[in-house]
Amino acid sequence: MTLTGHDGKVMSAAYSPDGARIVTASGDQTAKVWDAVTGKELLTLKGHDGEVNSAAYSPDGQRIVTASWDYTAKVWEADTGKELMNLISHNGPVYSTAWSLDGQQIVTGSYDQTVKVWDENTGQEL
């Protein structure tokens, strides 16, 4: 199966915890959610003002976090694509992001040579 639909390079791809969906991050300033069985595009996450470098599902599969060249990370509702939080604090592009195993924290890594840890519930930097 080949997933096509981005208008830019694909920077990252990850499965949902249940394996039913795939999230991709792209240079076209979007992330997309795909059905992992059929390859059908289900959602497009729009809101970043730069390339989306990384995307990951929360451990419960309910949320997605994206990292972008626009110096931010965003948290999205996985089923609807609704933006829930905008994580702003880095002084450079955000290249990587991941959830803690308990789903309570998000970590971001940036070109600014820092790693930041965020509270998933409030969006506050810890």
PDB file of N, CA and C in Angstrom:
ATOM      1  N   MET A   1       0.855  -1.177   0.000  1.00  0.00           N
ATOM      2  CA  MET A   1       0.000   0.000   0.000  1.00  0.00           C
ATOM      3  C   MET A   1       0.897   1.236   0.000  1.00  0.00           C
ATOM      4  N   THR A   2       0.504   2.243  -0.753  1.00  0.00           N
ATOM      5  CA  THR A   2       1.187   3.529  -0.797  1.00  0.00           C
ATOM      6  C   THR A   2       0.186   4.612  -0.444  1.00  0.00           C
ATOM      7  N   LEU A   3       0.565   5.468   0.501  1.00  0.00           N
ATOM      8  CA  LEU A   3      -0.293   6.589   0.895  1.00  0.00           C
ATOM      9  C   LEU A   3       0.156   7.818   0.125  1.00  0.00           C
ATOM     10  N   THR A   4      -0.759   8.393  -0.650  1.00  0.00           N
ATOM     11  CA  THR A   4      -0.431   9.598  -1.407  1.00  0.00           C
ATOM     12  C   THR A   4      -1.462  10.663  -1.108  1.00  0.00           C
ATOM     13  N   GLY A   5      -1.019  11.919  -1.099  1.00  0.00           N
ATOM     14  CA  GLY A   5      -1.934  13.019  -0.839  1.00  0.00           C
ATOM     15  C   GLY A   5      -1.251  14.263  -0.314  1.00  0.00           C
ATOM     16  N   HIS A   6      -0.034  14.128   0.217  1.00  0.00           N
ATOM     17  CA  HIS A   6       0.703  15.311   0.665  1.00  0.00           C
ATOM     18  C   HIS A   6       1.259  16.054  -0.547  1.00  0.00           C
ATOM     19  N   ASP A   7       1.384  17.384  -0.412  1.00  0.00           N
ATOM     20  CA  ASP A   7       1.967  18.222  -1.460  1.00  0.00           C
ATOM     21  C   ASP A   7       3.409  18.591  -1.147  1.00  0.00           C
ATOM     22  N   GLY A   8       4.020  17.913  -0.207  1.00  0.00           N
ATOM     23  CA  GLY A   8       5.405  18.163   0.169  1.00  0.00           C
ATOM     24  C   GLY A   8       6.021  16.878   0.682  1.00  0.00           C
ATOM     25  N   LYS A   9       7.297  16.959   0.999  1.00  0.00           N
ATOM     26  CA  LYS A   9       7.997  15.776   1.496  1.00  0.00           C
ATOM     27  C   LYS A   9       7.355  15.296   2.796  1.00  0.00           C
ATOM     28  N   VAL A  10       7.383  13.998   3.006  1.00  0.00           N
ATOM     29  CA  VAL A  10       6.844  13.423   4.238  1.00  0.00           C
ATOM     30  C   VAL A  10       8.009  13.255   5.208  1.00  0.00           C
ATOM     31  N   MET A  11       7.883  13.899   6.363  1.00  0.00           N
ATOM     32  CA  MET A  11       8.963  13.967   7.341  1.00  0.00           C
ATOM     33  C   MET A  11       8.886  12.859   8.388  1.00  0.00           C
ATOM     34  N   SER A  12       7.664  12.357   8.650  1.00  0.00           N
ATOM     35  CA  SER A  12       7.492  11.394   9.721  1.00  0.00           C
ATOM     36  C   SER A  12       6.199  10.636   9.523  1.00  0.00           C
ATOM     37  N   ALA A  13       6.165   9.421  10.049  1.00  0.00           N
ATOM     38  CA  ALA A  13       4.951   8.603  10.015  1.00  0.00           C
ATOM     39  C   ALA A  13       4.914   7.742  11.269  1.00  0.00           C
ATOM     40  N   ALA A  14       3.706   7.545  11.825  1.00  0.00           N
ATOM     41  CA  ALA A  14       3.566   6.728  13.033  1.00  0.00           C
ATOM     42  C   ALA A  14       2.191   6.075  13.056  1.00  0.00           C
ATOM     43  N   TYR A  15       2.142   4.864  13.583  1.00  0.00           N
ATOM     44  CA  TYR A  15       0.875   4.159  13.773  1.00  0.00           C
ATOM     45  C   TYR A  15       0.187   4.628  15.045  1.00  0.00           C
ATOM     46  N   SER A  16      -1.138   4.550  15.050  1.00  0.00           N
ATOM     47  CA  SER A  16      -1.902   4.720  16.279  1.00  0.00           C
ATOM     48  C   SER A  16      -1.648   3.501  17.160  1.00  0.00           C
ATOM     49  N   PRO A  17      -1.875   3.608  18.473  1.00  0.00           N
ATOM     50  CA  PRO A  17      -1.603   2.474  19.364  1.00  0.00           C
ATOM     51  C   PRO A  17      -2.344   1.191  18.990  1.00  0.00           C
ATOM     52  N   ASP A  18      -3.536   1.306  18.421  1.00  0.00           N
ATOM     53  CA  ASP A  18      -4.286   0.104  18.037  1.00  0.00           C
ATOM     54  C   ASP A  18      -3.951  -0.379  16.625  1.00  0.00           C
ATOM     55  N   GLY A  19      -3.089   0.351  15.925  1.00  0.00           N
ATOM     56  CA  GLY A  19      -2.672  -0.039  14.585  1.00  0.00           C
ATOM     57  C   GLY A  19      -3.679   0.243  13.487  1.00  0.00           C
ATOM     58  N   ALA A  20      -4.786   0.887  13.821  1.00  0.00           N
ATOM     59  CA  ALA A  20      -5.847   1.122  12.840  1.00  0.00           C
ATOM     60  C   ALA A  20      -5.609   2.355  11.970  1.00  0.00           C
ATOM     61  N   ARG A  21      -4.784   3.280  12.453  1.00  0.00           N
ATOM     62  CA  ARG A  21      -4.544   4.518  11.714  1.00  0.00           C
ATOM     63  C   ARG A  21      -3.058   4.820  11.647  1.00  0.00           C
ATOM     64  N   ILE A  22      -2.716   5.676  10.700  1.00  0.00           N
ATOM     65  CA  ILE A  22      -1.348   6.161  10.540  1.00  0.00           C
ATOM     66  C   ILE A  22      -1.428   7.680  10.479  1.00  0.00           C
ATOM     67  N   VAL A  23      -0.510   8.360  11.163  1.00  0.00           N
ATOM     68  CA  VAL A  23      -0.413   9.815  11.049  1.00  0.00           C
ATOM     69  C   VAL A  23       0.910  10.132  10.357  1.00  0.00           C
ATOM     70  N   THR A  24       0.866  11.083   9.412  1.00  0.00           N
ATOM     71  CA  THR A  24       2.059  11.505   8.685  1.00  0.00           C
ATOM     72  C   THR A  24       2.241  13.001   8.846  1.00  0.00           C
ATOM     73  N   ALA A  25       3.487  13.436   8.869  1.00  0.00           N
ATOM     74  CA  ALA A  25       3.835  14.856   8.975  1.00  0.00           C
ATOM     75  C   ALA A  25       4.554  15.261   7.706  1.00  0.00           C
ATOM     76  N   SER A  26       4.255  16.467   7.198  1.00  0.00           N
ATOM     77  CA  SER A  26       4.763  16.825   5.879  1.00  0.00           C
ATOM     78  C   SER A  26       5.272  18.258   5.789  1.00  0.00           C
ATOM     79  N   GLY A  27       6.115  18.452   4.793  1.00  0.00           N
ATOM     80  CA  GLY A  27       6.603  19.775   4.445  1.00  0.00           C
ATOM     81  C   GLY A  27       5.529  20.678   3.877  1.00  0.00           C
ATOM     82  N   ASP A  28       4.346  20.142   3.598  1.00  0.00           N
ATOM     83  CA  ASP A  28       3.245  20.960   3.082  1.00  0.00           C
ATOM     84  C   ASP A  28       2.465  21.668   4.193  1.00  0.00           C
ATOM     85  N   GLN A  29       3.020  21.691   5.409  1.00  0.00           N
ATOM     86  CA  GLN A  29       2.453  22.360   6.580  1.00  0.00           C
ATOM     87  C   GLN A  29       1.238  21.645   7.154  1.00  0.00           C
ATOM     88  N   THR A  30       1.069  20.364   6.830  1.00  0.00           N
ATOM     89  CA  THR A  30      -0.056  19.600   7.366  1.00  0.00           C
ATOM     90  C   THR A  30       0.431  18.267   7.933  1.00  0.00           C
ATOM     91  N   ALA A  31      -0.440  17.684   8.725  1.00  0.00           N
ATOM     92  CA  ALA A  31      -0.325  16.271   9.084  1.00  0.00           C
ATOM     93  C   ALA A  31      -1.597  15.622   8.563  1.00  0.00           C
ATOM     94  N   LYS A  32      -1.514  14.355   8.221  1.00  0.00           N
ATOM     95  CA  LYS A  32      -2.681  13.645   7.719  1.00  0.00           C
ATOM     96  C   LYS A  32      -2.853  12.343   8.495  1.00  0.00           C
ATOM     97  N   VAL A  33      -4.118  11.961   8.651  1.00  0.00           N
ATOM     98  CA  VAL A  33      -4.473  10.703   9.295  1.00  0.00           C
ATOM     99  C   VAL A  33      -5.059   9.790   8.228  1.00  0.00           C
ATOM    100  N   TRP A  34      -4.579   8.538   8.222  1.00  0.00           N
ATOM    101  CA  TRP A  34      -4.942   7.565   7.197  1.00  0.00           C
ATOM    102  C   TRP A  34      -5.482   6.302   7.850  1.00  0.00           C
ATOM    103  N   ASP A  35      -6.378   5.627   7.152  1.00  0.00           N
ATOM    104  CA  ASP A  35      -6.810   4.304   7.558  1.00  0.00           C
ATOM    105  C   ASP A  35      -5.675   3.337   7.218  1.00  0.00           C
ATOM    106  N   ALA A  36      -5.188   2.601   8.213  1.00  0.00           N
ATOM    107  CA  ALA A  36      -4.021   1.742   8.016  1.00  0.00           C
ATOM    108  C   ALA A  36      -4.316   0.501   7.178  1.00  0.00           C
ATOM    109  N   VAL A  37      -5.587   0.148   7.028  1.00  0.00           N
ATOM    110  CA  VAL A  37      -5.943  -1.028   6.234  1.00  0.00           C
ATOM    111  C   VAL A  37      -6.191  -0.659   4.779  1.00  0.00           C
ATOM    112  N   THR A  38      -6.966   0.405   4.563  1.00  0.00           N
ATOM    113  CA  THR A  38      -7.356   0.778   3.203  1.00  0.00           C
ATOM    114  C   THR A  38      -6.441   1.819   2.569  1.00  0.00           C
ATOM    115  N   GLY A  39      -5.731   2.588   3.395  1.00  0.00           N
ATOM    116  CA  GLY A  39      -4.906   3.678   2.883  1.00  0.00           C
ATOM    117  C   GLY A  39      -5.695   4.941   2.601  1.00  0.00           C
ATOM    118  N   LYS A  40      -6.984   4.947   2.939  1.00  0.00           N
ATOM    119  CA  LYS A  40      -7.829   6.118   2.700  1.00  0.00           C
ATOM    120  C   LYS A  40      -7.448   7.255   3.646  1.00  0.00           C
ATOM    121  N   GLU A  41      -7.353   8.476   3.098  1.00  0.00           N
ATOM    122  CA  GLU A  41      -7.106   9.656   3.918  1.00  0.00           C
ATOM    123  C   GLU A  41      -8.368   9.965   4.720  1.00  0.00           C
ATOM    124  N   LEU A  42      -8.215  10.123   6.039  1.00  0.00           N
ATOM    125  CA  LEU A  42      -9.355  10.374   6.919  1.00  0.00           C
ATOM    126  C   LEU A  42      -9.438  11.818   7.388  1.00  0.00           C
ATOM    127  N   LEU A  43      -8.301  12.432   7.679  1.00  0.00           N
ATOM    128  CA  LEU A  43      -8.258  13.802   8.201  1.00  0.00           C
ATOM    129  C   LEU A  43      -7.016  14.520   7.707  1.00  0.00           C
ATOM    130  N   THR A  44      -7.113  15.835   7.585  1.00  0.00           N
ATOM    131  CA  THR A  44      -5.945  16.681   7.376  1.00  0.00           C
ATOM    132  C   THR A  44      -5.893  17.684   8.517  1.00  0.00           C
ATOM    133  N   LEU A  45      -4.771  17.710   9.232  1.00  0.00           N
ATOM    134  CA  LEU A  45      -4.581  18.629  10.350  1.00  0.00           C
ATOM    135  C   LEU A  45      -3.875  19.872   9.831  1.00  0.00           C
ATOM    136  N   LYS A  46      -4.611  20.985   9.808  1.00  0.00           N
ATOM    137  CA  LYS A  46      -4.092  22.252   9.297  1.00  0.00           C
ATOM    138  C   LYS A  46      -4.048  23.270  10.426  1.00  0.00           C
ATOM    139  N   GLY A  47      -2.986  24.056  10.474  1.00  0.00           N
ATOM    140  CA  GLY A  47      -2.880  25.096  11.484  1.00  0.00           C
ATOM    141  C   GLY A  47      -1.454  25.554  11.708  1.00  0.00           C
ATOM    142  N   HIS A  48      -0.485  24.768  11.275  1.00  0.00           N
ATOM    143  CA  HIS A  48       0.913  25.183  11.403  1.00  0.00           C
ATOM    144  C   HIS A  48       1.268  26.158  10.287  1.00  0.00           C
ATOM    145  N   ASP A  49       2.219  27.053  10.584  1.00  0.00           N
ATOM    146  CA  ASP A  49       2.703  28.026   9.606  1.00  0.00           C
ATOM    147  C   ASP A  49       4.079  27.651   9.064  1.00  0.00           C
ATOM    148  N   GLY A  50       4.427  26.402   9.171  1.00  0.00           N
ATOM    149  CA  GLY A  50       5.694  25.905   8.661  1.00  0.00           C
ATOM    150  C   GLY A  50       5.603  24.402   8.461  1.00  0.00           C
ATOM    151  N   GLU A  51       6.672  23.829   7.938  1.00  0.00           N
ATOM    152  CA  GLU A  51       6.711  22.388   7.725  1.00  0.00           C
ATOM    153  C   GLU A  51       6.388  21.656   9.023  1.00  0.00           C
ATOM    154  N   VAL A  52       5.672  20.565   8.919  1.00  0.00           N
ATOM    155  CA  VAL A  52       5.407  19.715  10.077  1.00  0.00           C
ATOM    156  C   VAL A  52       6.451  18.605  10.055  1.00  0.00           C
ATOM    157  N   ASN A  53       7.292  18.586  11.079  1.00  0.00           N
ATOM    158  CA  ASN A  53       8.451  17.699  11.117  1.00  0.00           C
ATOM    159  C   ASN A  53       8.177  16.346  11.750  1.00  0.00           C
ATOM    160  N   SER A  54       7.211  16.293  12.665  1.00  0.00           N
ATOM    161  CA  SER A  54       6.996  15.077  13.430  1.00  0.00           C
ATOM    162  C   SER A  54       5.541  15.017  13.884  1.00  0.00           C
ATOM    163  N   ALA A  55       5.026  13.793  14.012  1.00  0.00           N
ATOM    164  CA  ALA A  55       3.669  13.593  14.531  1.00  0.00           C
ATOM    165  C   ALA A  55       3.635  12.280  15.293  1.00  0.00           C
ATOM    166  N   ALA A  56       2.863  12.253  16.380  1.00  0.00           N
ATOM    167  CA  ALA A  56       2.775  11.044  17.195  1.00  0.00           C
ATOM    168  C   ALA A  56       1.406  10.965  17.863  1.00  0.00           C
ATOM    169  N   TYR A  57       0.932   9.747  18.052  1.00  0.00           N
ATOM    170  CA  TYR A  57      -0.305   9.494  18.783  1.00  0.00           C
ATOM    171  C   TYR A  57      -0.043   9.424  20.277  1.00  0.00           C
ATOM    172  N   SER A  58      -1.028   9.837  21.062  1.00  0.00           N
ATOM    173  CA  SER A  58      -0.986   9.618  22.508  1.00  0.00           C
ATOM    174  C   SER A  58      -1.150   8.121  22.766  1.00  0.00           C
ATOM    175  N   PRO A  59      -0.717   7.634  23.927  1.00  0.00           N
ATOM    176  CA  PRO A  59      -0.825   6.203  24.214  1.00  0.00           C
ATOM    177  C   PRO A  59      -2.257   5.659  24.151  1.00  0.00           C
ATOM    178  N   ASP A  60      -3.255   6.497  24.433  1.00  0.00           N
ATOM    179  CA  ASP A  60      -4.645   6.035  24.361  1.00  0.00           C
ATOM    180  C   ASP A  60      -5.246   6.221  22.972  1.00  0.00           C
ATOM    181  N   GLY A  61      -4.496   6.826  22.041  1.00  0.00           N
ATOM    182  CA  GLY A  61      -4.952   7.018  20.675  1.00  0.00           C
ATOM    183  C   GLY A  61      -5.963   8.134  20.487  1.00  0.00           C
ATOM    184  N   GLN A  62      -6.235   8.900  21.537  1.00  0.00           N
ATOM    185  CA  GLN A  62      -7.253   9.944  21.469  1.00  0.00           C
ATOM    186  C   GLN A  62      -6.738  11.287  20.955  1.00  0.00           C
ATOM    187  N   ARG A  63      -5.415  11.485  21.029  1.00  0.00           N
ATOM    188  CA  ARG A  63      -4.829  12.760  20.635  1.00  0.00           C
ATOM    189  C   ARG A  63      -3.609  12.531  19.747  1.00  0.00           C
ATOM    190  N   ILE A  64      -3.259  13.559  19.010  1.00  0.00           N
ATOM    191  CA  ILE A  64      -2.058  13.563  18.176  1.00  0.00           C
ATOM    192  C   ILE A  64      -1.276  14.814  18.522  1.00  0.00           C
ATOM    193  N   VAL A  65       0.029  14.720  18.579  1.00  0.00           N
ATOM    194  CA  VAL A  65       0.871  15.896  18.744  1.00  0.00           C
ATOM    195  C   VAL A  65       1.728  16.038  17.488  1.00  0.00           C
ATOM    196  N   THR A  66       1.881  17.283  17.029  1.00  0.00           N
ATOM    197  CA  THR A  66       2.709  17.587  15.866  1.00  0.00           C
ATOM    198  C   THR A  66       3.766  18.614  16.243  1.00  0.00           C
ATOM    199  N   ALA A  67       4.915  18.540  15.593  1.00  0.00           N
ATOM    200  CA  ALA A  67       6.013  19.479  15.807  1.00  0.00           C
ATOM    201  C   ALA A  67       6.311  20.168  14.490  1.00  0.00           C
ATOM    202  N   SER A  68       6.600  21.472  14.551  1.00  0.00           N
ATOM    203  CA  SER A  68       6.716  22.228  13.304  1.00  0.00           C
ATOM    204  C   SER A  68       7.894  23.192  13.270  1.00  0.00           C
ATOM    205  N   TRP A  69       8.230  23.516  12.023  1.00  0.00           N
ATOM    206  CA  TRP A  69       9.240  24.529  11.717  1.00  0.00           C
ATOM    207  C   TRP A  69       8.804  25.899  12.227  1.00  0.00           C
ATOM    208  N   ASP A  70       7.510  26.089  12.526  1.00  0.00           N
ATOM    209  CA  ASP A  70       6.995  27.386  12.981  1.00  0.00           C
ATOM    210  C   ASP A  70       7.262  27.645  14.468  1.00  0.00           C
ATOM    211  N   TYR A  71       8.137  26.835  15.099  1.00  0.00           N
ATOM    212  CA  TYR A  71       8.558  26.970  16.496  1.00  0.00           C
ATOM    213  C   TYR A  71       7.514  26.456  17.485  1.00  0.00           C
ATOM    214  N   THR A  72       6.486  25.770  17.022  1.00  0.00           N
ATOM    215  CA  THR A  72       5.430  25.297  17.910  1.00  0.00           C
ATOM    216  C   THR A  72       5.214  23.796  17.779  1.00  0.00           C
ATOM    217  N   ALA A  73       4.527  23.277  18.773  1.00  0.00           N
ATOM    218  CA  ALA A  73       3.942  21.943  18.692  1.00  0.00           C
ATOM    219  C   ALA A  73       2.459  22.135  18.945  1.00  0.00           C
ATOM    220  N   LYS A  74       1.628  21.280  18.360  1.00  0.00           N
ATOM    221  CA  LYS A  74       0.185  21.387  18.537  1.00  0.00           C
ATOM    222  C   LYS A  74      -0.372  20.022  18.936  1.00  0.00           C
ATOM    223  N   VAL A  75      -1.423  20.072  19.750  1.00  0.00           N
ATOM    224  CA  VAL A  75      -2.136  18.864  20.145  1.00  0.00           C
ATOM    225  C   VAL A  75      -3.499  18.897  19.481  1.00  0.00           C
ATOM    226  N   TRP A  76      -3.894  17.766  18.905  1.00  0.00           N
ATOM    227  CA  TRP A  76      -5.122  17.652  18.130  1.00  0.00           C
ATOM    228  C   TRP A  76      -5.982  16.509  18.653  1.00  0.00           C
ATOM    229  N   GLU A  77      -7.274  16.642  18.498  1.00  0.00           N
ATOM    230  CA  GLU A  77      -8.184  15.531  18.753  1.00  0.00           C
ATOM    231  C   GLU A  77      -8.048  14.557  17.578  1.00  0.00           C
ATOM    232  N   ALA A  78      -7.728  13.311  17.867  1.00  0.00           N
ATOM    233  CA  ALA A  78      -7.394  12.353  16.809  1.00  0.00           C
ATOM    234  C   ALA A  78      -8.577  11.996  15.914  1.00  0.00           C
ATOM    235  N   ASP A  79      -9.792  11.981  16.445  1.00  0.00           N
ATOM    236  CA  ASP A  79     -10.950  11.577  15.643  1.00  0.00           C
ATOM    237  C   ASP A  79     -11.518  12.697  14.778  1.00  0.00           C
ATOM    238  N   THR A  80     -11.374  13.961  15.240  1.00  0.00           N
ATOM    239  CA  THR A  80     -12.000  15.068  14.521  1.00  0.00           C
ATOM    240  C   THR A  80     -11.005  16.013  13.861  1.00  0.00           C
ATOM    241  N   GLY A  81      -9.751  16.010  14.321  1.00  0.00           N
ATOM    242  CA  GLY A  81      -8.765  16.951  13.810  1.00  0.00           C
ATOM    243  C   GLY A  81      -8.845  18.323  14.447  1.00  0.00           C
ATOM    244  N   LYS A  82      -9.659  18.465  15.485  1.00  0.00           N
ATOM    245  CA  LYS A  82      -9.786  19.754  16.181  1.00  0.00           C
ATOM    246  C   LYS A  82      -8.496  20.055  16.946  1.00  0.00           C
ATOM    247  N   GLU A  83      -7.987  21.285  16.769  1.00  0.00           N
ATOM    248  CA  GLU A  83      -6.797  21.703  17.512  1.00  0.00           C
ATOM    249  C   GLU A  83      -7.184  21.945  18.970  1.00  0.00           C
ATOM    250  N   LEU A  84      -6.460  21.318  19.892  1.00  0.00           N
ATOM    251  CA  LEU A  84      -6.747  21.430  21.311  1.00  0.00           C
ATOM    252  C   LEU A  84      -5.790  22.363  22.040  1.00  0.00           C
ATOM    253  N   MET A  85      -4.511  22.349  21.647  1.00  0.00           N
ATOM    254  CA  MET A  85      -3.496  23.157  22.317  1.00  0.00           C
ATOM    255  C   MET A  85      -2.405  23.564  21.345  1.00  0.00           C
ATOM    256  N   ASN A  86      -1.808  24.710  21.628  1.00  0.00           N
ATOM    257  CA  ASN A  86      -0.650  25.190  20.887  1.00  0.00           C
ATOM    258  C   ASN A  86       0.476  25.351  21.895  1.00  0.00           C
ATOM    259  N   LEU A  87       1.523  24.565  21.781  1.00  0.00           N
ATOM    260  CA  LEU A  87       2.633  24.586  22.724  1.00  0.00           C
ATOM    261  C   LEU A  87       3.709  25.518  22.189  1.00  0.00           C
ATOM    262  N   ILE A  88       3.854  26.679  22.854  1.00  0.00           N
ATOM    263  CA  ILE A  88       4.770  27.720  22.384  1.00  0.00           C
ATOM    264  C   ILE A  88       5.783  28.018  23.479  1.00  0.00           C
ATOM    265  N   SER A  89       7.065  27.877  23.167  1.00  0.00           N
ATOM    266  CA  SER A  89       8.132  28.239  24.100  1.00  0.00           C
ATOM    267  C   SER A  89       9.502  28.107  23.462  1.00  0.00           C
ATOM    268  N   HIS A  90       9.613  27.326  22.402  1.00  0.00           N
ATOM    269  CA  HIS A  90      10.913  27.128  21.758  1.00  0.00           C
ATOM    270  C   HIS A  90      11.323  28.377  20.988  1.00  0.00           C
ATOM    271  N   ASN A  91      12.635  28.557  20.853  1.00  0.00           N
ATOM    272  CA  ASN A  91      13.197  29.671  20.087  1.00  0.00           C
ATOM    273  C   ASN A  91      13.784  29.200  18.765  1.00  0.00           C
ATOM    274  N   GLY A  92      13.219  28.133  18.242  1.00  0.00           N
ATOM    275  CA  GLY A  92      13.658  27.589  16.965  1.00  0.00           C
ATOM    276  C   GLY A  92      12.668  26.537  16.507  1.00  0.00           C
ATOM    277  N   PRO A  93      12.846  26.023  15.302  1.00  0.00           N
ATOM    278  CA  PRO A  93      11.961  24.985  14.801  1.00  0.00           C
ATOM    279  C   PRO A  93      11.913  23.782  15.740  1.00  0.00           C
ATOM    280  N   VAL A  94      10.740  23.193  15.865  1.00  0.00           N
ATOM    281  CA  VAL A  94      10.565  21.995  16.681  1.00  0.00           C
ATOM    282  C   VAL A  94      10.641  20.799  15.745  1.00  0.00           C
ATOM    283  N   TYR A  95      11.607  19.924  15.980  1.00  0.00           N
ATOM    284  CA  TYR A  95      11.870  18.810  15.075  1.00  0.00           C
ATOM    285  C   TYR A  95      11.226  17.503  15.491  1.00  0.00           C
ATOM    286  N   SER A  96      11.040  17.310  16.790  1.00  0.00           N
ATOM    287  CA  SER A  96      10.603  16.006  17.255  1.00  0.00           C
ATOM    288  C   SER A  96       9.660  16.150  18.432  1.00  0.00           C
ATOM    289  N   THR A  97       8.741  15.190  18.544  1.00  0.00           N
ATOM    290  CA  THR A  97       7.822  15.197  19.671  1.00  0.00           C
ATOM    291  C   THR A  97       7.376  13.779  19.980  1.00  0.00           C
ATOM    292  N   ALA A  98       7.033  13.544  21.246  1.00  0.00           N
ATOM    293  CA  ALA A  98       6.568  12.225  21.679  1.00  0.00           C
ATOM    294  C   ALA A  98       5.775  12.382  22.978  1.00  0.00           C
ATOM    295  N   TRP A  99       4.961  11.371  23.275  1.00  0.00           N
ATOM    296  CA  TRP A  99       4.191  11.318  24.519  1.00  0.00           C
ATOM    297  C   TRP A  99       4.913  10.452  25.533  1.00  0.00           C
ATOM    298  N   SER A 100       4.714  10.750  26.815  1.00  0.00           N
ATOM    299  CA  SER A 100       5.153   9.836  27.864  1.00  0.00           C
ATOM    300  C   SER A 100       4.263   8.599  27.819  1.00  0.00           C
ATOM    301  N   LEU A 101       4.730   7.505  28.380  1.00  0.00           N
ATOM    302  CA  LEU A 101       3.972   6.255  28.334  1.00  0.00           C
ATOM    303  C   LEU A 101       2.622   6.355  29.033  1.00  0.00           C
ATOM    304  N   ASP A 102       2.522   7.204  30.068  1.00  0.00           N
ATOM    305  CA  ASP A 102       1.246   7.356  30.768  1.00  0.00           C
ATOM    306  C   ASP A 102       0.340   8.402  30.112  1.00  0.00           C
ATOM    307  N   GLY A 103       0.821   9.060  29.059  1.00  0.00           N
ATOM    308  CA  GLY A 103       0.022  10.036  28.325  1.00  0.00           C
ATOM    309  C   GLY A 103      -0.146  11.366  29.028  1.00  0.00           C
ATOM    310  N   GLN A 104       0.557  11.593  30.128  1.00  0.00           N
ATOM    311  CA  GLN A 104       0.392  12.822  30.898  1.00  0.00           C
ATOM    312  C   GLN A 104       1.357  13.933  30.507  1.00  0.00           C
ATOM    313  N   GLN A 105       2.406  13.586  29.759  1.00  0.00           N
ATOM    314  CA  GLN A 105       3.387  14.583  29.366  1.00  0.00           C
ATOM    315  C   GLN A 105       3.751  14.417  27.894  1.00  0.00           C
ATOM    316  N   ILE A 106       4.165  15.539  27.318  1.00  0.00           N
ATOM    317  CA  ILE A 106       4.642  15.584  25.938  1.00  0.00           C
ATOM    318  C   ILE A 106       6.059  16.130  25.981  1.00  0.00           C
ATOM    319  N   VAL A 107       6.931  15.578  25.167  1.00  0.00           N
ATOM    320  CA  VAL A 107       8.292  16.081  25.070  1.00  0.00           C
ATOM    321  C   VAL A 107       8.514  16.607  23.655  1.00  0.00           C
ATOM    322  N   THR A 108       9.232  17.728  23.542  1.00  0.00           N
ATOM    323  CA  THR A 108       9.568  18.307  22.242  1.00  0.00           C
ATOM    324  C   THR A 108      11.067  18.583  22.191  1.00  0.00           C
ATOM    325  N   GLY A 109      11.642  18.371  21.018  1.00  0.00           N
ATOM    326  CA  GLY A 109      13.048  18.677  20.793  1.00  0.00           C
ATOM    327  C   GLY A 109      13.168  19.703  19.686  1.00  0.00           C
ATOM    328  N   SER A 110      14.068  20.673  19.871  1.00  0.00           N
ATOM    329  CA  SER A 110      14.120  21.815  18.958  1.00  0.00           C
ATOM    330  C   SER A 110      15.525  22.118  18.455  1.00  0.00           C
ATOM    331  N   TYR A 111      15.547  22.827  17.354  1.00  0.00           N
ATOM    332  CA  TYR A 111      16.769  23.373  16.770  1.00  0.00           C
ATOM    333  C   TYR A 111      17.448  24.333  17.734  1.00  0.00           C
ATOM    334  N   ASP A 112      16.693  24.875  18.703  1.00  0.00           N
ATOM    335  CA  ASP A 112      17.258  25.809  19.677  1.00  0.00           C
ATOM    336  C   ASP A 112      18.110  25.107  20.734  1.00  0.00           C
ATOM    337  N   GLN A 113      18.383  23.822  20.530  1.00  0.00           N
ATOM    338  CA  GLN A 113      19.237  23.005  21.389  1.00  0.00           C
ATOM    339  C   GLN A 113      18.616  22.717  22.746  1.00  0.00           C
ATOM    340  N   THR A 114      17.287  22.733  22.815  1.00  0.00           N
ATOM    341  CA  THR A 114      16.603  22.403  24.063  1.00  0.00           C
ATOM    342  C   THR A 114      15.587  21.295  23.831  1.00  0.00           C
ATOM    343  N   VAL A 115      15.275  20.626  24.914  1.00  0.00           N
ATOM    344  CA  VAL A 115      14.177  19.672  24.988  1.00  0.00           C
ATOM    345  C   VAL A 115      13.247  20.199  26.062  1.00  0.00           C
ATOM    346  N   LYS A 116      11.967  20.237  25.758  1.00  0.00           N
ATOM    347  CA  LYS A 116      10.997  20.749  26.731  1.00  0.00           C
ATOM    348  C   LYS A 116       9.963  19.663  27.034  1.00  0.00           C
ATOM    349  N   VAL A 117       9.510  19.668  28.274  1.00  0.00           N
ATOM    350  CA  VAL A 117       8.485  18.736  28.721  1.00  0.00           C
ATOM    351  C   VAL A 117       7.253  19.551  29.081  1.00  0.00           C
ATOM    352  N   TRP A 118       6.102  19.085  28.606  1.00  0.00           N
ATOM    353  CA  TRP A 118       4.843  19.812  28.735  1.00  0.00           C
ATOM    354  C   TRP A 118       3.805  18.963  29.469  1.00  0.00           C
ATOM    355  N   ASP A 119       2.944  19.628  30.227  1.00  0.00           N
ATOM    356  CA  ASP A 119       1.806  18.960  30.842  1.00  0.00           C
ATOM    357  C   ASP A 119       0.734  18.776  29.774  1.00  0.00           C
ATOM    358  N   GLU A 120       0.311  17.551  29.531  1.00  0.00           N
ATOM    359  CA  GLU A 120      -0.666  17.257  28.480  1.00  0.00           C
ATOM    360  C   GLU A 120      -2.019  17.882  28.765  1.00  0.00           C
ATOM    361  N   ASN A 121      -2.381  18.011  30.016  1.00  0.00           N
ATOM    362  CA  ASN A 121      -3.704  18.529  30.366  1.00  0.00           C
ATOM    363  C   ASN A 121      -3.817  20.047  30.236  1.00  0.00           C
ATOM    364  N   THR A 122      -2.723  20.752  30.564  1.00  0.00           N
ATOM    365  CA  THR A 122      -2.777  22.222  30.584  1.00  0.00           C
ATOM    366  C   THR A 122      -2.010  22.876  29.439  1.00  0.00           C
ATOM    367  N   GLY A 123      -1.074  22.150  28.829  1.00  0.00           N
ATOM    368  CA  GLY A 123      -0.229  22.732  27.812  1.00  0.00           C
ATOM    369  C   GLY A 123       0.890  23.581  28.382  1.00  0.00           C
ATOM    370  N   GLN A 124       1.052  23.550  29.693  1.00  0.00           N
ATOM    371  CA  GLN A 124       2.102  24.346  30.340  1.00  0.00           C
ATOM    372  C   GLN A 124       3.435  23.611  30.309  1.00  0.00           C
ATOM    373  N   GLU A 125       4.504  24.365  30.092  1.00  0.00           N
ATOM    374  CA  GLU A 125       5.841  23.794  30.149  1.00  0.00           C
ATOM    375  C   GLU A 125       6.151  23.451  31.599  1.00  0.00           C
ATOM    376  N   LEU A 126       6.681  22.262  31.812  1.00  0.00           N
ATOM    377  CA  LEU A 126       7.030  21.830  33.188  1.00  0.00           C
ATOM    378  C   LEU A 126       8.465  22.193  33.508  1.00  0.00           C
TER     379      LEU A 126
END
